[in-house]
Protein backbone atom coordinates (compact mmCIF):
# COMPACT_ATOMS: atom_id res chain seq x y z
CA UNK A 1 10.05 2.05 6.43
CA UNK A 2 8.84 5.64 6.24
CA UNK A 3 7.70 6.80 2.83
CA UNK A 4 7.14 10.46 2.06
CA UNK A 5 6.02 11.71 -1.35
CA UNK A 6 6.07 15.47 -1.90
CA UNK A 7 5.00 17.37 -5.00
CA UNK A 8 5.80 21.02 -5.58
CA UNK A 9 3.83 22.82 -8.33
CA UNK A 10 2.74 19.43 -9.70
CA UNK A 11 -0.53 17.59 -9.09
CA UNK A 12 -0.14 13.85 -8.56
CA UNK A 13 -2.94 11.49 -9.46
CA UNK A 14 -3.82 8.37 -7.54
CA UNK A 15 -2.27 6.19 -10.26
CA UNK A 16 1.05 8.05 -10.09
CA UNK A 17 1.21 7.76 -6.29
CA UNK A 18 0.35 4.06 -6.49
CA UNK A 19 3.08 3.55 -9.11
CA UNK A 20 5.70 5.23 -6.89
CA UNK A 21 4.60 3.28 -3.82
CA UNK A 22 4.71 -0.02 -5.74
CA UNK A 23 8.23 0.76 -6.89
CA UNK A 24 9.30 1.55 -3.33
CA UNK A 25 7.83 -1.76 -2.17
CA UNK A 26 9.87 -3.48 -4.91
CA UNK A 27 13.03 -1.98 -3.37
CA UNK A 28 12.56 -4.39 -0.43
CA UNK A 29 13.71 -7.32 -2.59
CA UNK A 30 17.33 -6.20 -2.17
CA UNK A 31 17.18 -7.02 1.58
CA UNK A 32 18.75 -3.71 2.56
CA UNK A 33 17.61 -2.08 5.77
CA UNK A 34 15.84 0.87 4.16
CA UNK A 35 14.70 3.26 6.88
CA UNK A 36 13.15 6.15 4.93
CA UNK A 37 12.37 7.01 1.34
CA UNK A 38 11.69 10.64 0.41
CA UNK A 39 10.37 11.37 -3.07
CA UNK A 40 10.40 15.00 -4.16
CA UNK A 41 8.70 15.98 -7.41
CA UNK A 42 9.07 19.56 -8.57
CA UNK A 43 8.15 21.47 -11.68
CA UNK A 44 10.94 23.15 -13.64
CA UNK A 45 11.01 25.53 -16.59
CA UNK A 46 11.40 22.60 -18.97
CA UNK A 47 9.64 19.59 -17.54
CA UNK A 48 9.75 17.90 -14.16
CA UNK A 49 12.46 16.95 -11.68
CA UNK A 50 12.07 13.75 -9.61
CA UNK A 51 14.39 13.03 -6.70
CA UNK A 52 14.55 9.81 -4.68
CA UNK A 53 16.34 10.08 -1.32
CA UNK A 54 16.74 6.55 0.09
CA UNK A 55 18.21 6.21 3.58
CA UNK A 56 19.75 2.83 4.39
CA UNK A 57 20.90 1.66 7.81
CA UNK A 58 24.69 1.23 8.07
CA UNK A 59 25.28 2.86 4.65
CA UNK A 60 25.34 6.24 2.97
CA UNK A 61 22.00 7.46 1.59
CA UNK A 62 21.28 6.88 -2.09
CA UNK A 63 20.12 10.05 -3.85
CA UNK A 64 18.77 9.84 -7.40
CA UNK A 65 17.75 12.96 -9.30
CA UNK A 66 16.11 12.72 -12.71
CA UNK A 67 14.72 15.43 -14.99
CA UNK A 68 12.49 14.94 -18.01
CA UNK A 69 9.77 16.68 -20.01
CA UNK A 70 7.11 14.14 -19.03
CA UNK A 71 6.29 13.29 -15.39
CA UNK A 72 5.77 9.55 -15.92
CA UNK A 73 9.00 9.20 -17.91
CA UNK A 74 10.98 11.02 -15.21
CA UNK A 75 9.50 8.79 -12.52
CA UNK A 76 10.23 5.59 -14.47
CA UNK A 77 13.82 6.62 -15.22
CA UNK A 78 14.40 7.56 -11.57
CA UNK A 79 12.97 4.22 -10.40
CA UNK A 80 15.24 2.33 -12.81
CA UNK A 81 18.30 4.26 -11.66
CA UNK A 82 17.41 3.75 -7.98
CA UNK A 83 16.94 0.00 -8.55
CA UNK A 84 20.31 -0.18 -10.26
CA UNK A 85 22.03 1.68 -7.40
CA UNK A 86 20.38 -0.51 -4.75
CA UNK A 87 21.27 -3.66 -6.70
CA UNK A 88 24.91 -2.58 -6.87
CA UNK A 89 24.95 -1.80 -3.16
CA UNK A 90 23.41 -5.20 -2.39
CA UNK A 91 26.01 -6.95 -4.56
CA UNK A 92 28.80 -5.01 -2.89
CA UNK A 93 27.60 -6.05 0.58
CA UNK A 94 27.11 -9.71 -0.41
CA UNK A 95 30.49 -9.98 -2.16
CA UNK A 96 32.40 -8.67 0.87
CA UNK A 97 30.85 -11.39 3.03
CA UNK A 98 32.04 -14.24 0.79
CA UNK A 99 35.78 -13.99 1.26
CA UNK A 100 38.67 -14.23 -1.14
CA UNK A 101 40.32 -17.05 -3.06
CA UNK A 102 43.24 -16.97 -0.62
CA UNK A 103 40.95 -18.21 2.13
CA UNK A 104 40.20 -21.44 0.26
CA UNK A 105 42.29 -24.49 1.14
CA UNK A 106 44.01 -26.46 -1.56
CA UNK A 107 43.12 -30.13 -1.72
CA UNK A 108 45.83 -32.63 -2.52
CA UNK A 109 44.48 -35.28 -4.84
């Protein structure tokens, strides 16, 4: 998995980078074939914009954009939203593999 963290007009500390990388590692628990994760952090007039661009094999990319006044709050909210989107995608993939109720046989007792 390729991870790229870019900051425009914002200085990222070692703790912030480690926090983002730990969150990206936590995305692996969904067992999706994540190929690349691009994180773009840019300064705006009012606050900071954080964008996660997550590319998944055999699926459309997941793009999460979050703006907030505080950098850490924007990162945390974006991580939560990305986790929610990946969880929903994982559930959608797993549920389609199960089959429907029509496929079950009726047992005569």
